[in-house]
């Protein structure tokens, strides 16, 4: 009899333990389900990154759900908690949401949220005669509708919809639109929230260059931009000092007073100025917005630094691109944004070689923190050392360091920024 009571007691204890565990999982799931963009953006527990899972030289080859799940596990190991995507017309976005849901079903503690991008084009975009005063209404409306459908189907994952990607900046000459187009779709999405057809806490934004958000020339200071500031839930700003090492290099180089520094100190000084340049662009948007009497959160929708380039930014140009400088920029931007409580959708997670398929050495192919085959670039070598990626693979390749982890070999590829006279210009 005593044994029966002991057995019953053990079974009861196990049942109570299981019940408590289930309640914990359910409560944990409910808490995570209730998280909003406001809770996530700028929260150091949920680092942000821009993501594309394409492995091939053409987007005709879409990543599979299995491949997307591999990538999600790698990013989660880095403390990444929110991803940014770019369009809804290709299979990748829908498959990514499916992959995340499957991972959550397999492990209730798994978390990954999405800033879902809807691509916006002008009329006759990507032709010899784009019409920037009109929109590609049929395709744009379809992009937005798919975003609505996905946000409705995956409310526990999709926390933000971004209308357009660099869709208002004038150097996007193949497709840019006027602010009224972005405003139209932002208002449409906000109305759906008010009617209960989208989650009320879903945040709506547009992700664009700092200049198009008023931080640049007066040509962008339009009434419709003011209305857009008022319509979005937050402002998503892009800043790319790397590009301006060629186009506006007032901050780039080694200047007066730095001649006697060690090579590593010269590079660190140049990269610190690059960070400060990005900070200045961010603040220029904040200054313009507040001058309009508007107060909205501002986060960084994109910033990054390529690890290689065979033209403007490489050894034959501004000497800006290599894994070492990329690593410094990544570290500096993460430190600054976390200190300020700003989300930074760092561009990007993995190299995507379709972006400049005709020129394998082009910078657009080399913005990832990982190579296409899953080698960890210098920016995340420390995470390899910490064992974060143990047991994880990308297409069968284990996560190992580039240069076989030989920093001396890496540094042999690093060029000093150009020597310049005088002091760097203010910005």
Protein backbone atom coordinates (compact mmCIF):
# COMPACT_ATOMS: atom_id res chain seq x y z
CA UNK A 1 0.00 0.00 0.00
CA UNK A 2 2.82 2.37 0.91
CA UNK A 3 4.41 1.81 -2.50
CA UNK A 4 1.10 2.57 -4.20
CA UNK A 5 0.79 5.85 -2.29
CA UNK A 6 4.40 6.73 -3.16
CA UNK A 7 3.77 5.91 -6.80
CA UNK A 8 0.59 7.95 -6.79
CA UNK A 9 2.43 10.82 -5.16
CA UNK A 10 5.16 10.70 -7.77
CA UNK A 11 2.61 10.61 -10.58
CA UNK A 12 0.72 13.52 -9.01
CA UNK A 13 3.94 15.50 -8.68
CA UNK A 14 4.82 14.77 -12.28
CA UNK A 15 1.34 15.78 -13.40
CA UNK A 16 1.53 19.02 -11.44
CA UNK A 17 5.02 19.67 -12.81
CA UNK A 18 3.84 19.04 -16.36
CA UNK A 19 0.79 21.24 -15.80
CA UNK A 20 2.98 24.06 -14.45
CA UNK A 21 5.33 23.66 -17.40
CA UNK A 22 2.40 23.81 -19.82
CA UNK A 23 1.05 26.93 -18.12
CA UNK A 24 4.53 28.45 -18.31
CA UNK A 25 4.74 27.69 -22.03
CA UNK A 26 1.25 29.02 -22.65
CA UNK A 27 1.96 32.17 -20.63
CA UNK A 28 5.32 32.57 -22.35
CA UNK A 29 3.67 32.16 -25.74
CA UNK A 30 0.91 34.60 -24.81
CA UNK A 31 3.44 37.18 -23.61
CA UNK A 32 5.39 36.87 -26.83
CA UNK A 33 2.23 36.91 -28.91
CA UNK A 34 1.27 40.20 -27.27
CA UNK A 35 4.60 41.88 -28.02
CA UNK A 36 4.27 44.88 -30.31
CA UNK A 37 6.65 46.82 -32.51
CA UNK A 38 6.86 49.38 -29.73
CA UNK A 39 8.12 46.66 -27.38
CA UNK A 40 10.62 45.25 -29.86
CA UNK A 41 12.18 48.18 -31.72
CA UNK A 42 15.21 49.48 -29.86
CA UNK A 43 15.05 46.60 -27.37
CA UNK A 44 18.52 45.03 -27.08
CA UNK A 45 16.90 41.61 -26.62
CA UNK A 46 15.61 41.87 -30.19
CA UNK A 47 18.42 43.03 -32.43
CA UNK A 48 17.31 43.88 -35.96
CA UNK A 49 18.75 42.90 -39.34
CA UNK A 50 17.88 43.12 -43.04
CA UNK A 51 17.41 39.70 -44.54
CA UNK A 52 17.32 38.00 -47.90
CA UNK A 53 17.84 34.24 -48.10
CA UNK A 54 18.84 34.04 -51.76
CA UNK A 55 21.81 31.80 -52.48
CA UNK A 56 22.00 31.94 -56.28
CA UNK A 57 22.82 34.60 -58.88
CA UNK A 58 19.12 34.92 -59.74
CA UNK A 59 16.01 35.32 -57.63
CA UNK A 60 14.36 32.83 -59.97
CA UNK A 61 15.81 30.29 -57.52
CA UNK A 62 13.87 30.89 -54.33
CA UNK A 63 15.17 29.68 -50.96
CA UNK A 64 13.25 26.72 -49.56
CA UNK A 65 11.48 26.66 -46.21
CA UNK A 66 14.22 24.31 -44.97
CA UNK A 67 16.91 26.79 -45.99
CA UNK A 68 15.03 29.68 -44.39
CA UNK A 69 14.75 27.73 -41.13
CA UNK A 70 18.51 27.16 -41.20
CA UNK A 71 19.07 30.88 -41.52
CA UNK A 72 16.62 31.71 -38.75
CA UNK A 73 18.49 29.46 -36.33
CA UNK A 74 21.79 31.16 -37.21
CA UNK A 75 20.31 34.63 -36.71
CA UNK A 76 18.58 33.68 -33.48
CA UNK A 77 21.96 32.49 -32.17
CA UNK A 78 23.19 36.08 -32.74
CA UNK A 79 20.36 37.51 -30.61
CA UNK A 80 18.58 38.75 -33.74
CA UNK A 81 14.88 39.02 -33.01
CA UNK A 82 13.40 41.03 -35.88
CA UNK A 83 14.01 40.81 -39.62
CA UNK A 84 13.32 43.19 -42.45
CA UNK A 85 12.07 41.91 -45.84
CA UNK A 86 11.56 43.85 -49.07
CA UNK A 87 8.68 42.62 -51.22
CA UNK A 88 5.67 40.34 -51.17
CA UNK A 89 5.48 39.31 -54.82
CA UNK A 90 8.10 36.56 -54.61
CA UNK A 91 7.70 33.34 -52.64
CA UNK A 92 10.42 34.17 -50.11
CA UNK A 93 8.35 36.40 -47.82
CA UNK A 94 5.46 33.93 -47.50
CA UNK A 95 7.87 31.02 -47.04
CA UNK A 96 9.83 32.95 -44.41
CA UNK A 97 6.70 33.47 -42.33
CA UNK A 98 5.87 29.79 -42.73
CA UNK A 99 9.41 28.85 -41.65
CA UNK A 100 9.22 31.01 -38.53
CA UNK A 101 5.82 29.58 -37.58
CA UNK A 102 7.16 26.03 -37.95
CA UNK A 103 10.14 26.87 -35.75
CA UNK A 104 7.80 28.32 -33.11
CA UNK A 105 5.70 25.15 -33.21
CA UNK A 106 8.81 23.02 -32.80
CA UNK A 107 10.13 25.19 -29.94
CA UNK A 108 7.71 27.46 -28.02
CA UNK A 109 10.67 29.56 -26.84
CA UNK A 110 11.75 30.43 -30.39
CA UNK A 111 11.16 34.06 -31.30
CA UNK A 112 11.51 35.95 -34.56
CA UNK A 113 9.49 38.91 -35.74
CA UNK A 114 9.23 40.56 -39.14
CA UNK A 115 9.14 44.03 -40.63
CA UNK A 116 7.35 43.11 -43.85
CA UNK A 117 8.32 45.19 -46.87
CA UNK A 118 5.96 46.07 -49.74
CA UNK A 119 7.83 47.21 -52.84
CA UNK A 120 6.56 50.39 -54.51
CA UNK A 121 7.35 51.51 -58.08
CA UNK A 122 6.53 54.48 -60.29
CA UNK A 123 4.74 54.08 -63.62
CA UNK A 124 6.99 52.48 -66.27
CA UNK A 125 9.65 51.70 -63.66
CA UNK A 126 12.79 49.91 -64.82
CA UNK A 127 12.34 51.14 -68.38
CA UNK A 128 14.13 53.88 -70.31
CA UNK A 129 11.32 56.32 -69.49
CA UNK A 130 10.08 55.96 -65.88
CA UNK A 131 7.29 58.38 -65.01
CA UNK A 132 8.02 59.58 -61.48
CA UNK A 133 4.82 61.59 -61.22
CA UNK A 134 2.58 58.53 -61.49
CA UNK A 135 2.63 55.14 -59.80
CA UNK A 136 2.50 51.55 -60.99
CA UNK A 137 -0.90 51.27 -59.39
CA UNK A 138 -1.77 47.67 -60.23
CA UNK A 139 1.48 46.20 -58.93
CA UNK A 140 1.68 48.52 -55.93
CA UNK A 141 -1.87 47.72 -54.85
CA UNK A 142 -1.14 44.01 -55.18
CA UNK A 143 1.98 44.37 -53.03
CA UNK A 144 0.00 46.10 -50.31
CA UNK A 145 -2.84 43.56 -50.43
CA UNK A 146 -0.41 40.67 -50.03
CA UNK A 147 1.18 42.47 -47.08
CA UNK A 148 -2.27 42.88 -45.52
CA UNK A 149 -3.03 39.20 -46.03
CA UNK A 150 0.28 38.10 -44.50
CA UNK A 151 -0.04 40.43 -41.52
CA UNK A 152 -3.55 39.07 -40.92
CA UNK A 153 -2.43 35.45 -41.22
CA UNK A 154 0.68 35.87 -39.05
CA UNK A 155 -0.17 38.56 -36.46
CA UNK A 156 2.19 36.95 -33.94
CA UNK A 157 5.12 37.40 -36.35
CA UNK A 158 4.48 40.43 -38.58
CA UNK A 159 4.78 43.50 -36.35
CA UNK A 160 5.56 46.18 -38.97
CA UNK A 161 4.67 46.87 -42.60
CA UNK A 162 7.05 49.11 -44.53
CA UNK A 163 5.55 50.80 -47.60
CA UNK A 164 8.39 51.07 -50.12
CA UNK A 165 12.14 50.72 -49.96
CA UNK A 166 14.14 53.82 -50.93
CA UNK A 167 11.05 54.60 -52.98
CA UNK A 168 11.19 58.40 -52.63
CA UNK A 169 14.90 59.18 -52.97
CA UNK A 170 15.68 60.71 -56.34
CA UNK A 171 18.85 58.75 -57.03
CA UNK A 172 16.63 55.65 -57.27
CA UNK A 173 16.11 56.84 -60.82
CA UNK A 174 14.64 53.60 -62.16
CA UNK A 175 11.58 53.58 -59.91
CA UNK A 176 11.17 56.37 -57.34
CA UNK A 177 7.75 57.84 -56.62
CA UNK A 178 6.46 61.06 -55.13
CA UNK A 179 5.60 61.11 -51.39
CA UNK A 180 1.87 61.18 -52.14
CA UNK A 181 2.08 57.59 -53.37
CA UNK A 182 3.63 56.33 -50.13
CA UNK A 183 1.18 58.45 -48.13
CA UNK A 184 -1.77 56.93 -49.99
CA UNK A 185 -0.84 53.38 -48.98
CA UNK A 186 0.21 54.30 -45.43
CA UNK A 187 -3.21 55.91 -44.93
CA UNK A 188 -4.92 52.86 -46.41
CA UNK A 189 -3.16 50.57 -43.94
CA UNK A 190 -3.90 52.89 -41.02
CA UNK A 191 -7.58 52.88 -41.97
CA UNK A 192 -7.60 49.07 -41.98
CA UNK A 193 -6.19 49.14 -38.44
CA UNK A 194 -8.93 51.54 -37.34
CA UNK A 195 -11.59 49.25 -38.83
CA UNK A 196 -10.16 46.21 -37.03
CA UNK A 197 -9.06 44.55 -40.26
CA UNK A 198 -5.42 44.68 -39.19
CA UNK A 199 -4.00 44.40 -35.66
CA UNK A 200 -4.30 47.75 -33.91
CA UNK A 201 -0.68 47.55 -32.68
CA UNK A 202 0.79 46.81 -36.12
CA UNK A 203 3.15 49.67 -36.95
CA UNK A 204 3.20 51.22 -40.42
CA UNK A 205 6.22 53.04 -41.85
CA UNK A 206 8.18 53.69 -45.02
CA UNK A 207 11.89 52.86 -45.13
CA UNK A 208 13.91 55.43 -47.04
CA UNK A 209 17.12 57.40 -47.37
CA UNK A 210 17.72 60.12 -44.80
CA UNK A 211 17.45 62.79 -47.54
CA UNK A 212 13.95 61.71 -48.54
CA UNK A 213 12.91 62.04 -44.90
CA UNK A 214 13.84 65.72 -44.97
CA UNK A 215 17.43 65.44 -43.81
CA UNK A 216 18.82 66.45 -47.21
CA UNK A 217 17.99 69.12 -49.76
CA UNK A 218 14.93 71.38 -49.90
CA UNK A 219 13.61 69.48 -52.94
CA UNK A 220 12.30 66.86 -50.51
CA UNK A 221 10.59 69.35 -48.17
CA UNK A 222 7.10 68.87 -49.54
CA UNK A 223 3.67 69.15 -47.94
CA UNK A 224 3.02 65.47 -48.65
CA UNK A 225 6.18 64.53 -46.76
CA UNK A 226 4.88 66.46 -43.75
CA UNK A 227 1.62 64.52 -44.02
CA UNK A 228 3.60 61.29 -44.26
CA UNK A 229 5.48 62.07 -41.03
CA UNK A 230 2.11 62.48 -39.35
CA UNK A 231 0.69 59.28 -40.86
CA UNK A 232 3.43 56.76 -40.03
CA UNK A 233 3.84 55.14 -36.62
CA UNK A 234 7.60 55.65 -36.81
CA UNK A 235 10.24 56.85 -39.26
CA UNK A 236 12.64 54.32 -40.82
CA UNK A 237 15.85 56.00 -41.99
CA UNK A 238 18.70 54.71 -44.20
CA UNK A 239 22.27 55.94 -43.88
CA UNK A 240 25.32 54.65 -45.80
CA UNK A 241 28.63 56.36 -45.01
CA UNK A 242 30.42 53.70 -47.06
CA UNK A 243 28.89 55.03 -50.26
CA UNK A 244 29.95 58.56 -49.36
CA UNK A 245 33.59 57.54 -49.01
CA UNK A 246 33.35 58.01 -52.80
CA UNK A 247 30.50 60.48 -53.36
CA UNK A 248 31.02 62.85 -50.44
CA UNK A 249 34.32 61.93 -48.76
CA UNK A 250 34.66 64.98 -46.50
CA UNK A 251 34.91 62.67 -43.48
CA UNK A 252 36.87 59.84 -45.11
CA UNK A 253 40.64 59.52 -44.88
CA UNK A 254 43.45 60.16 -42.43
CA UNK A 255 43.77 63.82 -41.64
CA UNK A 256 46.14 66.31 -40.04
CA UNK A 257 47.30 65.15 -36.63
CA UNK A 258 46.87 61.45 -37.39
CA UNK A 259 50.16 60.93 -39.23
CA UNK A 260 51.91 59.31 -36.29
CA UNK A 261 49.09 56.95 -35.36
CA UNK A 262 49.48 53.22 -35.84
CA UNK A 263 47.74 51.72 -38.85
CA UNK A 264 45.02 50.21 -36.66
CA UNK A 265 44.45 53.57 -34.93
CA UNK A 266 44.22 55.36 -38.31
CA UNK A 267 41.57 52.91 -39.46
CA UNK A 268 39.69 53.17 -36.16
CA UNK A 269 39.67 56.98 -36.44
CA UNK A 270 38.27 56.83 -39.97
CA UNK A 271 35.59 54.34 -38.95
CA UNK A 272 34.61 56.42 -35.91
CA UNK A 273 34.08 59.40 -38.24
CA UNK A 274 31.99 57.13 -40.49
CA UNK A 275 29.79 56.26 -37.55
CA UNK A 276 29.53 59.94 -36.62
CA UNK A 277 28.54 60.71 -40.21
CA UNK A 278 25.69 58.18 -39.93
CA UNK A 279 24.66 59.68 -36.59
CA UNK A 280 24.61 63.15 -38.17
CA UNK A 281 22.30 61.95 -40.97
CA UNK A 282 19.98 60.33 -38.44
CA UNK A 283 19.90 63.54 -36.41
CA UNK A 284 19.26 65.65 -39.50
CA UNK A 285 15.96 63.79 -39.96
CA UNK A 286 15.07 64.23 -36.28
CA UNK A 287 15.85 67.94 -36.52
CA UNK A 288 13.69 68.42 -39.63
CA UNK A 289 10.78 66.43 -38.20
CA UNK A 290 10.81 68.30 -34.91
CA UNK A 291 10.97 71.57 -36.83
CA UNK A 292 7.60 70.58 -38.26
CA UNK A 293 6.25 70.17 -34.74
CA UNK A 294 6.02 66.37 -35.12
CA UNK A 295 7.34 63.82 -32.63
CA UNK A 296 7.63 60.22 -33.85
CA UNK A 297 10.15 57.50 -33.02
CA UNK A 298 13.01 57.24 -35.52
CA UNK A 299 14.83 53.96 -36.13
CA UNK A 300 17.46 52.94 -38.66
CA UNK A 301 15.93 50.86 -41.45
CA UNK A 302 19.27 50.22 -43.15
CA UNK A 303 22.94 50.83 -42.70
CA UNK A 304 25.86 48.62 -43.61
CA UNK A 305 29.39 48.29 -44.91
CA UNK A 306 30.55 45.99 -47.71
CA UNK A 307 33.47 43.64 -47.14
CA UNK A 308 34.71 43.78 -50.75
CA UNK A 309 34.41 45.92 -53.87
CA UNK A 310 36.17 46.09 -57.23
CA UNK A 311 35.27 49.69 -58.11
CA UNK A 312 34.41 52.91 -56.23
CA UNK A 313 34.94 51.70 -52.68
CA UNK A 314 37.69 49.13 -53.06
CA UNK A 315 41.46 49.19 -53.46
CA UNK A 316 41.14 51.15 -56.73
CA UNK A 317 38.79 53.67 -55.16
CA UNK A 318 38.30 54.98 -51.61
CA UNK A 319 39.88 51.87 -50.01
CA UNK A 320 36.87 51.53 -47.73
CA UNK A 321 35.82 47.91 -48.16
CA UNK A 322 37.24 44.93 -46.34
CA UNK A 323 36.09 42.63 -43.56
CA UNK A 324 38.07 44.47 -40.90
CA UNK A 325 36.42 47.85 -41.55
CA UNK A 326 33.05 46.15 -41.93
CA UNK A 327 33.54 44.59 -38.50
CA UNK A 328 34.44 47.91 -36.89
CA UNK A 329 31.42 49.64 -38.42
CA UNK A 330 29.09 46.86 -37.32
CA UNK A 331 30.38 47.02 -33.76
CA UNK A 332 30.25 50.82 -33.59
CA UNK A 333 26.73 51.06 -34.98
CA UNK A 334 25.42 48.33 -32.69
CA UNK A 335 27.00 50.05 -29.67
CA UNK A 336 25.63 53.50 -30.54
CA UNK A 337 22.10 52.36 -31.40
CA UNK A 338 21.78 50.14 -28.35
CA UNK A 339 23.00 52.94 -26.12
CA UNK A 340 20.38 55.26 -27.63
CA UNK A 341 17.54 52.70 -27.68
CA UNK A 342 17.36 52.80 -31.49
CA UNK A 343 16.60 49.76 -33.65
CA UNK A 344 19.19 49.19 -36.38
CA UNK A 345 18.19 46.88 -39.22
CA UNK A 346 21.80 46.26 -40.15
CA UNK A 347 22.28 45.51 -43.83
CA UNK A 348 22.62 42.60 -44.10
CA UNK A 349 22.64 39.06 -42.72
CA UNK A 350 24.04 37.04 -45.63
CA UNK A 351 25.72 37.94 -48.91
CA UNK A 352 23.25 37.91 -51.80
CA UNK A 353 25.07 37.40 -55.07
CA UNK A 354 22.06 38.08 -57.30
CA UNK A 355 22.31 41.79 -56.55
CA UNK A 356 25.16 42.33 -59.02
CA UNK A 357 25.25 39.00 -60.79
CA UNK A 358 27.17 40.34 -63.77
CA UNK A 359 29.96 41.64 -61.52
CA UNK A 360 30.86 39.13 -58.76
CA UNK A 361 33.30 41.64 -57.23
CA UNK A 362 30.68 44.38 -56.95
CA UNK A 363 30.01 45.76 -53.47
CA UNK A 364 26.29 44.92 -53.55
CA UNK A 365 27.20 41.23 -53.41
CA UNK A 366 29.27 41.62 -50.23
CA UNK A 367 27.24 43.38 -47.54
CA UNK A 368 26.51 40.22 -45.54
CA UNK A 369 27.90 39.33 -42.14
CA UNK A 370 28.14 35.80 -43.58
CA UNK A 371 29.21 34.58 -47.00
CA UNK A 372 26.75 32.67 -49.16
CA UNK A 373 28.16 29.36 -47.92
CA UNK A 374 27.86 30.38 -44.28
CA UNK A 375 31.35 31.51 -43.40
CA UNK A 376 31.28 34.07 -40.60
CA UNK A 377 33.03 37.31 -41.53
CA UNK A 378 35.28 39.18 -39.09
CA UNK A 379 32.33 41.12 -37.61
CA UNK A 380 31.02 37.93 -35.98
CA UNK A 381 34.20 35.91 -35.40
CA UNK A 382 33.75 36.38 -31.66
CA UNK A 383 30.39 34.61 -31.85
CA UNK A 384 32.05 31.61 -33.48
CA UNK A 385 34.56 31.57 -30.62
CA UNK A 386 31.69 31.64 -28.14
CA UNK A 387 30.23 28.51 -29.74
CA UNK A 388 26.94 30.16 -30.66
CA UNK A 389 26.74 28.38 -34.01
CA UNK A 390 27.74 24.92 -32.79
CA UNK A 391 25.73 22.34 -34.70
CA UNK A 392 24.26 24.92 -37.11
CA UNK A 393 24.87 24.80 -40.85
CA UNK A 394 23.99 26.67 -44.02
CA UNK A 395 23.30 24.30 -46.91
CA UNK A 396 25.40 21.66 -45.18
CA UNK A 397 28.32 23.99 -44.45
CA UNK A 398 29.24 24.46 -40.78
CA UNK A 399 29.59 28.04 -39.56
CA UNK A 400 33.33 28.72 -39.54
CA UNK A 401 35.42 31.87 -39.73
CA UNK A 402 36.61 33.43 -42.97
CA UNK A 403 40.38 33.42 -43.47
CA UNK A 404 40.33 30.26 -41.31
CA UNK A 405 40.27 32.67 -38.39
CA UNK A 406 43.73 34.02 -39.20
CA UNK A 407 43.55 37.74 -38.40
CA UNK A 408 47.05 38.40 -39.74
CA UNK A 409 45.96 37.01 -43.12
CA UNK A 410 42.87 39.21 -43.04
CA UNK A 411 44.85 42.34 -42.19
CA UNK A 412 47.13 41.81 -45.20
CA UNK A 413 44.09 42.63 -47.35
CA UNK A 414 43.29 45.86 -45.49
CA UNK A 415 44.17 49.19 -47.10
CA UNK A 416 44.63 52.42 -45.16
CA UNK A 417 42.19 55.24 -45.92
CA UNK A 418 43.82 57.92 -48.12
CA UNK A 419 45.98 60.55 -46.43
CA UNK A 420 44.47 64.05 -46.63
CA UNK A 421 45.51 67.59 -45.83
CA UNK A 422 43.84 69.66 -43.13
CA UNK A 423 40.97 68.69 -40.88
CA UNK A 424 37.86 66.68 -41.78
CA UNK A 425 34.88 68.82 -42.70
CA UNK A 426 32.08 69.08 -40.18
CA UNK A 427 28.84 67.28 -40.85
